[in-house]
């Protein structure tokens, strides 16, 4: 797995900066790398950001939070009964009465990472839930992103764009941005046809400095 220190090395290789160059310190690079990971995460519902867990629904409680870092709710279900029906909050108003209880079978998003189920649970239920999550902030040298190794160069391209903007190198910034858009397009196509993420051909010679 690619670690933070490896990603910094890849960016320095692409931009031809030496590790001793004060204009691109480890701290600066780490900040730019985290910005890149956040940007990539917003481009698509990437399979590597998908996760599943369970929520314990209890009698008398209808609002539940998804795990920290969740950015989008994918589904809610109970055992083999299939996914819950998705509703708008206003459509659940008829179930505001706590005396209307039963096995929950529908939910409405509350904000980004919370849900309201209906009807009120008449007993304890273990709900299966799927969601998309954000990348965690990398800080330690051995930290690893969720982004698969096969797509390191997509991240590098975005960071190269940021480095070019930082140092005022318009050519570097434009080239990084162009390469990044190509990577995003290819990667979207890849994840449409397979859950196994192949490694697209990468261009390693950026040709600057």
N, C-alpha and C. Protein backbone atom coordinates (compact mmCIF):
# COMPACT_ATOMS: atom_id res chain seq x y z
N UNK A 1 0.84 -1.20 0.00
CA UNK A 1 0.00 0.00 0.00
C UNK A 1 0.88 1.26 0.00
N UNK A 2 0.43 2.26 -0.74
CA UNK A 2 1.18 3.51 -0.82
C UNK A 2 0.97 4.34 0.43
N UNK A 3 2.05 4.74 1.06
CA UNK A 3 1.98 5.54 2.27
C UNK A 3 2.19 7.01 1.94
N UNK A 4 1.90 7.86 2.92
CA UNK A 4 2.03 9.31 2.72
C UNK A 4 3.44 9.68 2.26
N UNK A 5 4.44 9.09 2.87
CA UNK A 5 5.81 9.42 2.48
C UNK A 5 6.10 9.03 1.03
N UNK A 6 5.48 7.94 0.56
CA UNK A 6 5.65 7.52 -0.84
C UNK A 6 4.98 8.51 -1.79
N UNK A 7 3.81 9.01 -1.40
CA UNK A 7 3.10 9.97 -2.24
C UNK A 7 3.90 11.26 -2.37
N UNK A 8 4.48 11.70 -1.26
CA UNK A 8 5.32 12.91 -1.33
C UNK A 8 6.47 12.70 -2.29
N UNK A 9 7.07 11.52 -2.26
CA UNK A 9 8.18 11.22 -3.17
C UNK A 9 7.72 11.25 -4.63
N UNK A 10 6.52 10.71 -4.88
CA UNK A 10 5.99 10.71 -6.25
C UNK A 10 5.76 12.12 -6.76
N UNK A 11 5.25 13.00 -5.89
CA UNK A 11 5.02 14.38 -6.29
C UNK A 11 6.35 15.08 -6.56
N UNK A 12 7.32 14.85 -5.71
CA UNK A 12 8.63 15.48 -5.92
C UNK A 12 9.27 14.98 -7.22
N UNK A 13 9.09 13.70 -7.50
CA UNK A 13 9.63 13.15 -8.74
C UNK A 13 8.96 13.81 -9.94
N UNK A 14 7.64 13.98 -9.85
CA UNK A 14 6.90 14.56 -10.97
C UNK A 14 7.22 16.03 -11.19
N UNK A 15 7.46 16.76 -10.10
CA UNK A 15 7.71 18.20 -10.19
C UNK A 15 9.19 18.54 -10.19
N UNK A 16 10.04 17.51 -9.98
CA UNK A 16 11.50 17.69 -9.96
C UNK A 16 11.96 18.62 -8.84
N UNK A 17 11.28 18.52 -7.71
CA UNK A 17 11.71 19.22 -6.51
C UNK A 17 12.53 18.27 -5.66
N UNK A 18 13.59 18.78 -5.08
CA UNK A 18 14.40 17.98 -4.17
C UNK A 18 13.78 18.05 -2.78
N UNK A 19 13.97 16.99 -2.00
CA UNK A 19 13.40 16.94 -0.65
C UNK A 19 13.95 18.04 0.25
N UNK A 20 15.09 18.60 -0.12
CA UNK A 20 15.69 19.67 0.69
C UNK A 20 15.21 21.05 0.29
N UNK A 21 14.39 21.12 -0.74
CA UNK A 21 13.90 22.41 -1.23
C UNK A 21 12.89 22.98 -0.23
N UNK A 22 13.21 24.13 0.31
CA UNK A 22 12.38 24.75 1.35
C UNK A 22 11.04 25.25 0.82
N UNK A 23 10.91 25.37 -0.49
CA UNK A 23 9.65 25.85 -1.05
C UNK A 23 8.60 24.76 -1.13
N UNK A 24 9.01 23.51 -0.88
CA UNK A 24 8.06 22.41 -0.92
C UNK A 24 8.40 21.42 0.20
N UNK A 25 8.11 21.82 1.42
CA UNK A 25 8.44 21.01 2.59
C UNK A 25 7.46 19.84 2.71
N UNK A 26 7.81 18.90 3.57
CA UNK A 26 6.90 17.77 3.83
C UNK A 26 5.54 18.26 4.30
N UNK A 27 5.57 19.27 5.16
CA UNK A 27 4.31 19.80 5.70
C UNK A 27 3.46 20.41 4.58
N UNK A 28 4.08 21.17 3.70
CA UNK A 28 3.36 21.77 2.58
C UNK A 28 2.77 20.70 1.68
N UNK A 29 3.59 19.71 1.37
CA UNK A 29 3.15 18.63 0.49
C UNK A 29 2.00 17.84 1.11
N UNK A 30 2.09 17.57 2.38
CA UNK A 30 1.04 16.82 3.05
C UNK A 30 -0.29 17.55 2.96
N UNK A 31 -0.26 18.86 3.14
CA UNK A 31 -1.47 19.66 3.04
C UNK A 31 -2.06 19.58 1.63
N UNK A 32 -1.21 19.67 0.62
CA UNK A 32 -1.67 19.61 -0.76
C UNK A 32 -2.20 18.22 -1.10
N UNK A 33 -1.57 17.19 -0.58
CA UNK A 33 -2.01 15.81 -0.82
C UNK A 33 -3.41 15.59 -0.23
N UNK A 34 -3.62 16.10 0.97
CA UNK A 34 -4.95 15.95 1.59
C UNK A 34 -6.01 16.72 0.80
N UNK A 35 -5.65 17.86 0.26
CA UNK A 35 -6.58 18.59 -0.59
C UNK A 35 -6.91 17.78 -1.84
N UNK A 36 -5.90 17.12 -2.38
CA UNK A 36 -6.12 16.29 -3.56
C UNK A 36 -7.04 15.12 -3.28
N UNK A 37 -6.85 14.47 -2.15
CA UNK A 37 -7.70 13.34 -1.79
C UNK A 37 -9.15 13.78 -1.61
N UNK A 38 -9.35 14.94 -1.02
CA UNK A 38 -10.72 15.45 -0.83
C UNK A 38 -11.35 15.75 -2.19
N UNK A 39 -10.56 16.32 -3.10
CA UNK A 39 -11.08 16.66 -4.42
C UNK A 39 -11.49 15.40 -5.18
N UNK A 40 -10.65 14.39 -5.15
CA UNK A 40 -10.94 13.14 -5.84
C UNK A 40 -12.21 12.51 -5.28
N UNK A 41 -12.38 12.56 -3.97
CA UNK A 41 -13.53 11.93 -3.32
C UNK A 41 -14.85 12.53 -3.80
N UNK A 42 -14.82 13.80 -4.22
CA UNK A 42 -16.06 14.46 -4.65
C UNK A 42 -16.38 14.22 -6.13
N UNK A 43 -15.48 13.59 -6.86
CA UNK A 43 -15.66 13.42 -8.30
C UNK A 43 -16.65 12.32 -8.68
N UNK A 44 -16.84 11.34 -7.79
CA UNK A 44 -17.62 10.17 -8.17
C UNK A 44 -17.92 9.35 -6.92
N UNK A 45 -18.89 8.46 -7.03
CA UNK A 45 -19.13 7.49 -5.95
C UNK A 45 -18.15 6.34 -6.14
N UNK A 46 -16.92 6.57 -5.72
CA UNK A 46 -15.85 5.59 -5.96
C UNK A 46 -16.06 4.34 -5.11
N UNK A 47 -15.83 3.17 -5.66
CA UNK A 47 -16.03 1.93 -4.89
C UNK A 47 -15.12 1.81 -3.68
N UNK A 48 -13.93 2.42 -3.74
CA UNK A 48 -13.02 2.31 -2.59
C UNK A 48 -13.47 3.17 -1.41
N UNK A 49 -14.44 4.06 -1.64
CA UNK A 49 -14.97 4.88 -0.55
C UNK A 49 -16.28 4.31 0.01
N UNK A 50 -16.71 3.19 -0.55
CA UNK A 50 -17.95 2.57 -0.11
C UNK A 50 -17.70 1.67 1.09
N UNK A 51 -18.61 1.69 2.03
CA UNK A 51 -18.49 0.85 3.23
C UNK A 51 -19.87 0.43 3.70
N UNK A 52 -19.92 -0.63 4.46
CA UNK A 52 -21.17 -1.10 5.05
C UNK A 52 -20.97 -1.34 6.55
N UNK A 53 -22.04 -1.16 7.29
CA UNK A 53 -22.01 -1.40 8.72
C UNK A 53 -23.43 -1.73 9.17
N UNK A 54 -23.64 -1.80 10.45
CA UNK A 54 -24.98 -2.04 10.99
C UNK A 54 -25.34 -0.95 11.99
N UNK A 55 -26.63 -0.72 12.11
CA UNK A 55 -27.15 0.22 13.10
C UNK A 55 -28.14 -0.53 13.97
N UNK A 56 -28.02 -0.38 15.25
CA UNK A 56 -28.94 -1.03 16.19
C UNK A 56 -30.12 -0.10 16.48
N UNK A 57 -31.26 -0.43 15.90
CA UNK A 57 -32.47 0.36 16.13
C UNK A 57 -33.16 -0.16 17.39
N UNK A 58 -33.62 0.76 18.22
CA UNK A 58 -34.23 0.38 19.50
C UNK A 58 -35.64 0.96 19.61
N UNK A 59 -36.41 0.39 20.48
CA UNK A 59 -37.79 0.83 20.69
C UNK A 59 -37.83 2.31 21.06
N UNK A 60 -38.70 3.06 20.38
CA UNK A 60 -38.91 4.45 20.74
C UNK A 60 -37.94 5.44 20.12
N UNK A 61 -36.99 4.98 19.32
CA UNK A 61 -36.02 5.88 18.71
C UNK A 61 -36.08 5.75 17.20
N UNK A 62 -36.18 6.87 16.51
CA UNK A 62 -36.32 6.82 15.05
C UNK A 62 -35.18 7.51 14.30
N UNK A 63 -34.35 8.31 14.99
CA UNK A 63 -33.25 9.01 14.34
C UNK A 63 -31.92 8.34 14.67
N UNK A 64 -31.10 8.13 13.62
CA UNK A 64 -29.83 7.44 13.81
C UNK A 64 -28.76 8.09 12.94
N UNK A 65 -27.53 8.08 13.46
CA UNK A 65 -26.40 8.66 12.75
C UNK A 65 -25.59 7.58 12.05
N UNK A 66 -25.05 7.93 10.90
CA UNK A 66 -24.11 7.06 10.22
C UNK A 66 -22.72 7.28 10.82
N UNK A 67 -21.75 6.42 10.52
CA UNK A 67 -20.41 6.57 11.10
C UNK A 67 -19.77 7.91 10.74
N UNK A 68 -18.87 8.36 11.59
CA UNK A 68 -18.11 9.58 11.32
C UNK A 68 -17.36 9.44 10.01
N UNK A 69 -17.43 10.47 9.18
CA UNK A 69 -16.76 10.43 7.89
C UNK A 69 -17.67 10.07 6.74
N UNK A 70 -18.88 9.61 7.05
CA UNK A 70 -19.83 9.28 5.98
C UNK A 70 -20.24 10.55 5.26
N UNK A 71 -20.34 10.46 3.95
CA UNK A 71 -20.71 11.63 3.15
C UNK A 71 -22.00 11.43 2.37
N UNK A 72 -22.42 10.17 2.19
CA UNK A 72 -23.61 9.90 1.40
C UNK A 72 -24.20 8.55 1.80
N UNK A 73 -25.51 8.51 1.99
CA UNK A 73 -26.20 7.28 2.36
C UNK A 73 -26.55 6.51 1.09
N UNK A 74 -26.20 5.24 1.06
CA UNK A 74 -26.47 4.41 -0.11
C UNK A 74 -27.75 3.59 0.06
N UNK A 75 -27.86 2.86 1.17
CA UNK A 75 -29.07 2.06 1.39
C UNK A 75 -29.23 1.74 2.86
N UNK A 76 -30.45 1.37 3.23
CA UNK A 76 -30.77 0.85 4.56
C UNK A 76 -31.66 -0.36 4.34
N UNK A 77 -31.42 -1.45 5.05
CA UNK A 77 -32.26 -2.64 4.89
C UNK A 77 -32.29 -3.43 6.19
N UNK A 78 -33.24 -4.37 6.25
CA UNK A 78 -33.35 -5.25 7.41
C UNK A 78 -33.40 -6.69 6.94
N UNK A 79 -32.38 -7.45 7.27
CA UNK A 79 -32.27 -8.86 6.93
C UNK A 79 -32.61 -9.09 5.45
N UNK A 80 -33.53 -9.99 5.16
CA UNK A 80 -33.84 -10.34 3.77
C UNK A 80 -35.06 -9.61 3.23
N UNK A 81 -35.49 -8.56 3.91
CA UNK A 81 -36.70 -7.87 3.49
C UNK A 81 -36.45 -6.86 2.38
N UNK A 82 -35.22 -6.75 1.94
CA UNK A 82 -34.91 -5.80 0.88
C UNK A 82 -34.66 -4.40 1.43
N UNK A 83 -34.24 -3.49 0.56
CA UNK A 83 -33.93 -2.13 1.02
C UNK A 83 -35.16 -1.37 1.47
N UNK A 84 -34.95 -0.46 2.41
CA UNK A 84 -36.01 0.42 2.86
C UNK A 84 -36.44 1.33 1.71
N UNK A 85 -37.69 1.75 1.77
CA UNK A 85 -38.19 2.75 0.82
C UNK A 85 -37.67 4.12 1.25
N UNK A 86 -37.14 4.87 0.31
CA UNK A 86 -36.61 6.21 0.62
C UNK A 86 -37.73 7.23 0.50
N UNK A 87 -37.87 8.05 1.53
CA UNK A 87 -38.91 9.06 1.56
C UNK A 87 -38.30 10.43 1.87
N UNK A 88 -39.12 11.47 1.66
CA UNK A 88 -38.77 12.79 2.15
C UNK A 88 -39.24 12.91 3.60
N UNK A 89 -38.58 13.77 4.38
CA UNK A 89 -38.95 13.91 5.78
C UNK A 89 -40.43 14.22 5.97
N UNK A 90 -40.95 15.09 5.13
CA UNK A 90 -42.36 15.48 5.29
C UNK A 90 -43.30 14.30 5.08
N UNK A 91 -42.84 13.30 4.32
CA UNK A 91 -43.68 12.14 4.07
C UNK A 91 -43.77 11.22 5.29
N UNK A 92 -42.86 11.43 6.25
CA UNK A 92 -42.88 10.60 7.46
C UNK A 92 -43.67 11.25 8.60
N UNK A 93 -44.26 12.42 8.34
CA UNK A 93 -44.95 13.14 9.41
C UNK A 93 -46.10 12.32 10.00
N UNK A 94 -46.74 11.52 9.18
CA UNK A 94 -47.87 10.73 9.66
C UNK A 94 -47.43 9.70 10.69
N UNK A 95 -46.10 9.46 10.76
CA UNK A 95 -45.58 8.48 11.72
C UNK A 95 -44.97 9.15 12.95
N UNK A 96 -45.26 10.45 13.13
CA UNK A 96 -44.73 11.16 14.29
C UNK A 96 -45.32 10.65 15.60
N UNK A 97 -46.46 10.02 15.50
CA UNK A 97 -47.13 9.47 16.69
C UNK A 97 -46.35 8.24 17.17
N UNK A 98 -45.86 8.31 18.40
CA UNK A 98 -45.04 7.21 18.93
C UNK A 98 -45.85 5.95 19.17
N UNK A 99 -47.17 6.06 19.07
CA UNK A 99 -47.98 4.84 19.26
C UNK A 99 -48.08 4.03 17.97
N UNK A 100 -47.65 4.62 16.87
CA UNK A 100 -47.65 3.89 15.59
C UNK A 100 -46.30 3.18 15.48
N UNK A 101 -46.28 1.92 15.82
CA UNK A 101 -45.03 1.17 15.85
C UNK A 101 -45.10 -0.05 14.94
N UNK A 102 -43.95 -0.65 14.70
CA UNK A 102 -43.90 -1.84 13.87
C UNK A 102 -42.48 -2.04 13.36
N UNK A 103 -42.32 -2.93 12.41
CA UNK A 103 -41.00 -3.14 11.81
C UNK A 103 -40.74 -2.00 10.83
N UNK A 104 -39.68 -1.24 11.02
CA UNK A 104 -39.39 -0.13 10.10
C UNK A 104 -39.15 -0.65 8.68
N UNK A 105 -39.62 0.13 7.69
CA UNK A 105 -39.42 -0.28 6.31
C UNK A 105 -39.15 0.91 5.39
N UNK A 106 -39.03 2.08 5.96
CA UNK A 106 -38.71 3.25 5.14
C UNK A 106 -37.85 4.21 5.96
N UNK A 107 -37.15 5.07 5.24
CA UNK A 107 -36.31 6.06 5.92
C UNK A 107 -36.24 7.33 5.08
N UNK A 108 -35.89 8.41 5.76
CA UNK A 108 -35.66 9.69 5.09
C UNK A 108 -34.32 10.24 5.57
N UNK A 109 -33.51 10.75 4.66
CA UNK A 109 -32.25 11.38 5.08
C UNK A 109 -32.53 12.60 5.94
N UNK A 110 -31.74 12.77 6.98
CA UNK A 110 -31.80 13.96 7.83
C UNK A 110 -30.41 14.60 7.75
N UNK A 111 -30.32 15.66 6.97
CA UNK A 111 -28.99 16.20 6.70
C UNK A 111 -28.24 15.26 5.77
N UNK A 112 -26.94 15.15 5.99
CA UNK A 112 -26.09 14.35 5.11
C UNK A 112 -25.87 12.94 5.64
N UNK A 113 -25.70 12.81 6.95
CA UNK A 113 -25.27 11.52 7.49
C UNK A 113 -26.16 10.97 8.59
N UNK A 114 -27.40 11.41 8.64
CA UNK A 114 -28.36 10.87 9.61
C UNK A 114 -29.62 10.44 8.87
N UNK A 115 -30.36 9.52 9.49
CA UNK A 115 -31.61 9.06 8.89
C UNK A 115 -32.71 9.02 9.95
N UNK A 116 -33.94 9.10 9.48
CA UNK A 116 -35.12 8.90 10.32
C UNK A 116 -35.88 7.71 9.74
N UNK A 117 -36.13 6.72 10.57
CA UNK A 117 -36.82 5.53 10.10
C UNK A 117 -38.28 5.57 10.53
N UNK A 118 -39.10 4.81 9.84
CA UNK A 118 -40.53 4.75 10.18
C UNK A 118 -41.07 3.38 9.78
N UNK A 119 -42.04 2.89 10.55
CA UNK A 119 -42.56 3.50 11.79
C UNK A 119 -41.56 3.34 12.94
N UNK A 120 -41.94 3.88 14.11
CA UNK A 120 -41.12 3.67 15.30
C UNK A 120 -40.93 2.17 15.52
N UNK A 121 -39.70 1.74 15.81
CA UNK A 121 -39.47 0.30 16.03
C UNK A 121 -40.30 -0.23 17.20
N UNK A 122 -40.91 -1.39 16.98
CA UNK A 122 -41.68 -2.01 18.05
C UNK A 122 -40.82 -2.96 18.87
N UNK A 123 -39.59 -3.16 18.42
CA UNK A 123 -38.62 -3.99 19.14
C UNK A 123 -37.24 -3.64 18.60
N UNK A 124 -36.22 -4.31 19.09
CA UNK A 124 -34.86 -4.04 18.61
C UNK A 124 -34.67 -4.65 17.23
N UNK A 125 -34.03 -3.88 16.34
CA UNK A 125 -33.71 -4.37 14.99
C UNK A 125 -32.25 -4.02 14.66
N UNK A 126 -31.59 -4.91 13.97
CA UNK A 126 -30.25 -4.62 13.47
C UNK A 126 -30.37 -4.30 11.99
N UNK A 127 -30.11 -3.06 11.64
CA UNK A 127 -30.26 -2.60 10.26
C UNK A 127 -28.93 -2.66 9.53
N UNK A 128 -28.96 -3.13 8.31
CA UNK A 128 -27.78 -3.10 7.45
C UNK A 128 -27.79 -1.80 6.67
N UNK A 129 -26.64 -1.13 6.64
CA UNK A 129 -26.58 0.16 5.96
C UNK A 129 -25.32 0.22 5.09
N UNK A 130 -25.46 0.90 3.97
CA UNK A 130 -24.32 1.15 3.09
C UNK A 130 -24.14 2.65 2.92
N UNK A 131 -22.91 3.08 2.78
CA UNK A 131 -22.65 4.52 2.68
C UNK A 131 -21.30 4.77 2.00
N UNK A 132 -21.13 5.99 1.56
CA UNK A 132 -19.84 6.44 1.03
C UNK A 132 -19.19 7.33 2.08
N UNK A 133 -17.88 7.21 2.16
CA UNK A 133 -17.16 7.96 3.18
C UNK A 133 -16.09 8.85 2.55
N UNK A 134 -15.64 9.81 3.31
CA UNK A 134 -14.58 10.70 2.87
C UNK A 134 -13.23 10.09 3.21
N UNK A 135 -12.20 10.57 2.55
CA UNK A 135 -10.85 10.17 2.91
C UNK A 135 -10.48 10.78 4.26
N UNK A 136 -9.80 10.01 5.09
CA UNK A 136 -9.28 10.55 6.33
C UNK A 136 -8.08 11.44 6.04
N UNK A 137 -7.86 12.41 6.90
CA UNK A 137 -6.71 13.29 6.74
C UNK A 137 -5.43 12.52 7.04
N UNK A 138 -4.49 12.56 6.12
CA UNK A 138 -3.19 11.91 6.34
C UNK A 138 -2.27 12.85 7.09
N UNK A 139 -1.54 12.31 8.04
CA UNK A 139 -0.61 13.15 8.81
C UNK A 139 0.72 12.44 9.05
N UNK A 140 0.66 11.19 9.49
CA UNK A 140 1.89 10.44 9.74
C UNK A 140 2.46 9.84 8.45
N UNK A 141 3.76 9.68 8.42
CA UNK A 141 4.43 9.18 7.21
C UNK A 141 3.87 7.85 6.73
N UNK A 142 3.42 7.01 7.65
CA UNK A 142 2.95 5.67 7.27
C UNK A 142 1.44 5.62 7.03
N UNK A 143 0.76 6.76 7.15
CA UNK A 143 -0.67 6.79 6.87
C UNK A 143 -0.92 6.44 5.40
N UNK A 144 -2.03 5.71 5.16
CA UNK A 144 -2.38 5.30 3.80
C UNK A 144 -3.78 5.78 3.45
N UNK A 145 -3.97 6.32 2.25
CA UNK A 145 -5.31 6.72 1.83
C UNK A 145 -6.14 5.50 1.42
N UNK A 146 -7.43 5.69 1.29
CA UNK A 146 -8.30 4.63 0.78
C UNK A 146 -8.11 4.47 -0.73
N UNK A 147 -7.66 5.52 -1.38
CA UNK A 147 -7.39 5.48 -2.82
C UNK A 147 -6.46 4.32 -3.15
N UNK A 148 -6.86 3.43 -4.08
CA UNK A 148 -6.00 2.30 -4.42
C UNK A 148 -4.68 2.74 -5.05
N UNK A 149 -3.66 1.92 -4.86
CA UNK A 149 -2.35 2.22 -5.42
C UNK A 149 -2.41 2.47 -6.92
N UNK A 150 -3.31 1.76 -7.60
CA UNK A 150 -3.41 1.89 -9.05
C UNK A 150 -3.72 3.32 -9.49
N UNK A 151 -4.22 4.14 -8.57
CA UNK A 151 -4.62 5.49 -8.93
C UNK A 151 -3.79 6.56 -8.21
N UNK A 152 -2.61 6.19 -7.78
CA UNK A 152 -1.70 7.17 -7.18
C UNK A 152 -1.45 8.34 -8.11
N UNK A 153 -1.30 8.03 -9.40
CA UNK A 153 -0.95 9.09 -10.36
C UNK A 153 -2.09 10.09 -10.56
N UNK A 154 -3.32 9.70 -10.31
CA UNK A 154 -4.43 10.65 -10.36
C UNK A 154 -4.26 11.69 -9.25
N UNK A 155 -3.91 11.21 -8.08
CA UNK A 155 -3.65 12.12 -6.96
C UNK A 155 -2.44 12.99 -7.23
N UNK A 156 -1.38 12.37 -7.76
CA UNK A 156 -0.17 13.13 -8.07
C UNK A 156 -0.48 14.25 -9.05
N UNK A 157 -1.28 13.96 -10.06
CA UNK A 157 -1.62 14.97 -11.06
C UNK A 157 -2.32 16.17 -10.42
N UNK A 158 -3.24 15.88 -9.50
CA UNK A 158 -3.94 16.99 -8.84
C UNK A 158 -2.98 17.82 -8.00
N UNK A 159 -2.10 17.13 -7.28
CA UNK A 159 -1.16 17.85 -6.43
C UNK A 159 -0.17 18.64 -7.29
N UNK A 160 0.22 18.10 -8.42
CA UNK A 160 1.10 18.84 -9.34
C UNK A 160 0.43 20.15 -9.76
N UNK A 161 -0.86 20.08 -10.02
CA UNK A 161 -1.60 21.30 -10.36
C UNK A 161 -1.50 22.32 -9.23
N UNK A 162 -1.68 21.85 -8.00
CA UNK A 162 -1.62 22.75 -6.85
C UNK A 162 -0.21 23.31 -6.64
N UNK A 163 0.79 22.47 -6.85
CA UNK A 163 2.18 22.93 -6.72
C UNK A 163 2.45 24.02 -7.74
N UNK A 164 2.00 23.81 -8.98
CA UNK A 164 2.20 24.82 -10.02
C UNK A 164 1.55 26.14 -9.64
N UNK A 165 0.35 26.07 -9.08
CA UNK A 165 -0.33 27.29 -8.64
C UNK A 165 0.44 27.94 -7.50
N UNK A 166 0.99 27.13 -6.63
CA UNK A 166 1.71 27.64 -5.45
C UNK A 166 2.97 28.41 -5.83
N UNK A 167 3.68 27.90 -6.83
CA UNK A 167 4.95 28.51 -7.20
C UNK A 167 4.82 29.44 -8.41
N UNK A 168 3.61 29.58 -8.93
CA UNK A 168 3.39 30.47 -10.06
C UNK A 168 3.83 29.91 -11.39
N UNK A 169 3.91 28.60 -11.51
CA UNK A 169 4.29 27.95 -12.76
C UNK A 169 3.01 27.57 -13.50
N UNK A 170 2.58 28.41 -14.42
CA UNK A 170 1.31 28.22 -15.11
C UNK A 170 1.31 26.95 -15.94
N UNK A 171 2.43 26.67 -16.61
CA UNK A 171 2.51 25.47 -17.44
C UNK A 171 2.35 24.22 -16.60
N UNK A 172 3.02 24.17 -15.46
CA UNK A 172 2.90 23.02 -14.58
C UNK A 172 1.47 22.85 -14.09
N UNK A 173 0.86 23.93 -13.69
CA UNK A 173 -0.50 23.88 -13.17
C UNK A 173 -1.47 23.39 -14.24
N UNK A 174 -1.35 23.93 -15.44
CA UNK A 174 -2.26 23.54 -16.52
C UNK A 174 -2.05 22.07 -16.91
N UNK A 175 -0.80 21.66 -16.99
CA UNK A 175 -0.51 20.27 -17.36
C UNK A 175 -1.03 19.31 -16.30
N UNK A 176 -0.84 19.66 -15.03
CA UNK A 176 -1.35 18.83 -13.95
C UNK A 176 -2.86 18.73 -13.99
N UNK A 177 -3.53 19.86 -14.24
CA UNK A 177 -4.99 19.88 -14.31
C UNK A 177 -5.49 19.02 -15.46
N UNK A 178 -4.83 19.13 -16.61
CA UNK A 178 -5.22 18.34 -17.78
C UNK A 178 -5.05 16.84 -17.53
N UNK A 179 -3.91 16.48 -16.95
CA UNK A 179 -3.64 15.08 -16.64
C UNK A 179 -4.64 14.54 -15.62
N UNK A 180 -4.98 15.38 -14.65
CA UNK A 180 -5.93 14.97 -13.63
C UNK A 180 -7.29 14.68 -14.25
N UNK A 181 -7.78 15.56 -15.14
CA UNK A 181 -9.07 15.35 -15.76
C UNK A 181 -9.08 14.06 -16.58
N UNK A 182 -7.97 13.76 -17.25
CA UNK A 182 -7.87 12.52 -18.03
C UNK A 182 -7.96 11.31 -17.10
N UNK A 183 -7.28 11.40 -15.96
CA UNK A 183 -7.31 10.29 -15.00
C UNK A 183 -8.72 10.08 -14.47
N UNK A 184 -9.40 11.15 -14.12
CA UNK A 184 -10.76 11.03 -13.59
C UNK A 184 -11.67 10.37 -14.62
N UNK A 185 -11.57 10.80 -15.87
CA UNK A 185 -12.40 10.24 -16.92
C UNK A 185 -12.12 8.76 -17.12
N UNK A 186 -10.85 8.37 -17.18
CA UNK A 186 -10.49 6.97 -17.37
C UNK A 186 -10.93 6.13 -16.18
N UNK A 187 -10.77 6.67 -15.00
CA UNK A 187 -11.09 5.90 -13.80
C UNK A 187 -12.60 5.70 -13.67
N UNK A 188 -13.38 6.73 -14.01
CA UNK A 188 -14.83 6.56 -14.02
C UNK A 188 -15.24 5.45 -14.97
N UNK A 189 -14.62 5.42 -16.14
CA UNK A 189 -14.94 4.37 -17.11
C UNK A 189 -14.56 3.00 -16.55
N UNK A 190 -13.43 2.92 -15.88
CA UNK A 190 -12.97 1.65 -15.32
C UNK A 190 -13.92 1.11 -14.28
N UNK A 191 -14.38 1.96 -13.39
CA UNK A 191 -15.22 1.48 -12.29
C UNK A 191 -16.64 1.19 -12.75
N UNK A 192 -17.00 1.63 -13.95
CA UNK A 192 -18.32 1.31 -14.48
C UNK A 192 -18.40 -0.15 -14.93
N UNK A 193 -17.27 -0.69 -15.36
CA UNK A 193 -17.30 -2.03 -15.96
C UNK A 193 -16.75 -3.12 -15.06
N UNK A 194 -16.06 -2.74 -13.99
CA UNK A 194 -15.48 -3.76 -13.13
C UNK A 194 -15.24 -3.22 -11.74
N UNK A 195 -15.32 -4.10 -10.76
CA UNK A 195 -15.00 -3.70 -9.39
C UNK A 195 -13.53 -3.90 -9.11
N UNK A 196 -12.82 -4.55 -10.05
CA UNK A 196 -11.37 -4.71 -9.94
C UNK A 196 -10.74 -3.54 -10.67
N UNK A 197 -9.96 -2.75 -9.97
CA UNK A 197 -9.47 -1.51 -10.52
C UNK A 197 -8.13 -1.70 -11.22
N UNK A 198 -8.13 -1.77 -12.55
CA UNK A 198 -6.87 -1.96 -13.27
C UNK A 198 -6.03 -0.69 -13.26
N UNK A 199 -4.80 -0.82 -13.61
CA UNK A 199 -3.91 0.33 -13.63
C UNK A 199 -3.86 0.90 -15.05
N UNK A 200 -4.44 2.09 -15.26
CA UNK A 200 -4.33 2.72 -16.58
C UNK A 200 -2.88 3.13 -16.85
N UNK A 201 -2.56 3.35 -18.10
CA UNK A 201 -1.22 3.78 -18.45
C UNK A 201 -0.96 5.16 -17.88
N UNK A 202 0.15 5.32 -17.19
CA UNK A 202 0.46 6.59 -16.54
C UNK A 202 1.60 7.27 -17.28
N UNK A 203 1.56 8.60 -17.33
CA UNK A 203 2.65 9.36 -17.88
C UNK A 203 3.49 9.88 -16.72
N UNK A 204 4.73 9.42 -16.63
CA UNK A 204 5.57 9.78 -15.50
C UNK A 204 6.48 10.96 -15.78
N UNK A 205 6.72 11.29 -17.06
CA UNK A 205 7.61 12.39 -17.38
C UNK A 205 6.79 13.66 -17.61
N UNK A 206 6.78 14.53 -16.62
CA UNK A 206 5.97 15.73 -16.70
C UNK A 206 6.67 16.83 -17.52
N UNK A 207 7.98 16.77 -17.62
CA UNK A 207 8.71 17.65 -18.51
C UNK A 207 8.81 19.10 -18.09
N UNK A 208 8.92 19.36 -16.79
CA UNK A 208 9.09 20.73 -16.32
C UNK A 208 10.46 20.91 -15.71
N UNK A 209 10.84 22.16 -15.55
CA UNK A 209 12.06 22.61 -14.86
C UNK A 209 13.29 22.08 -15.56
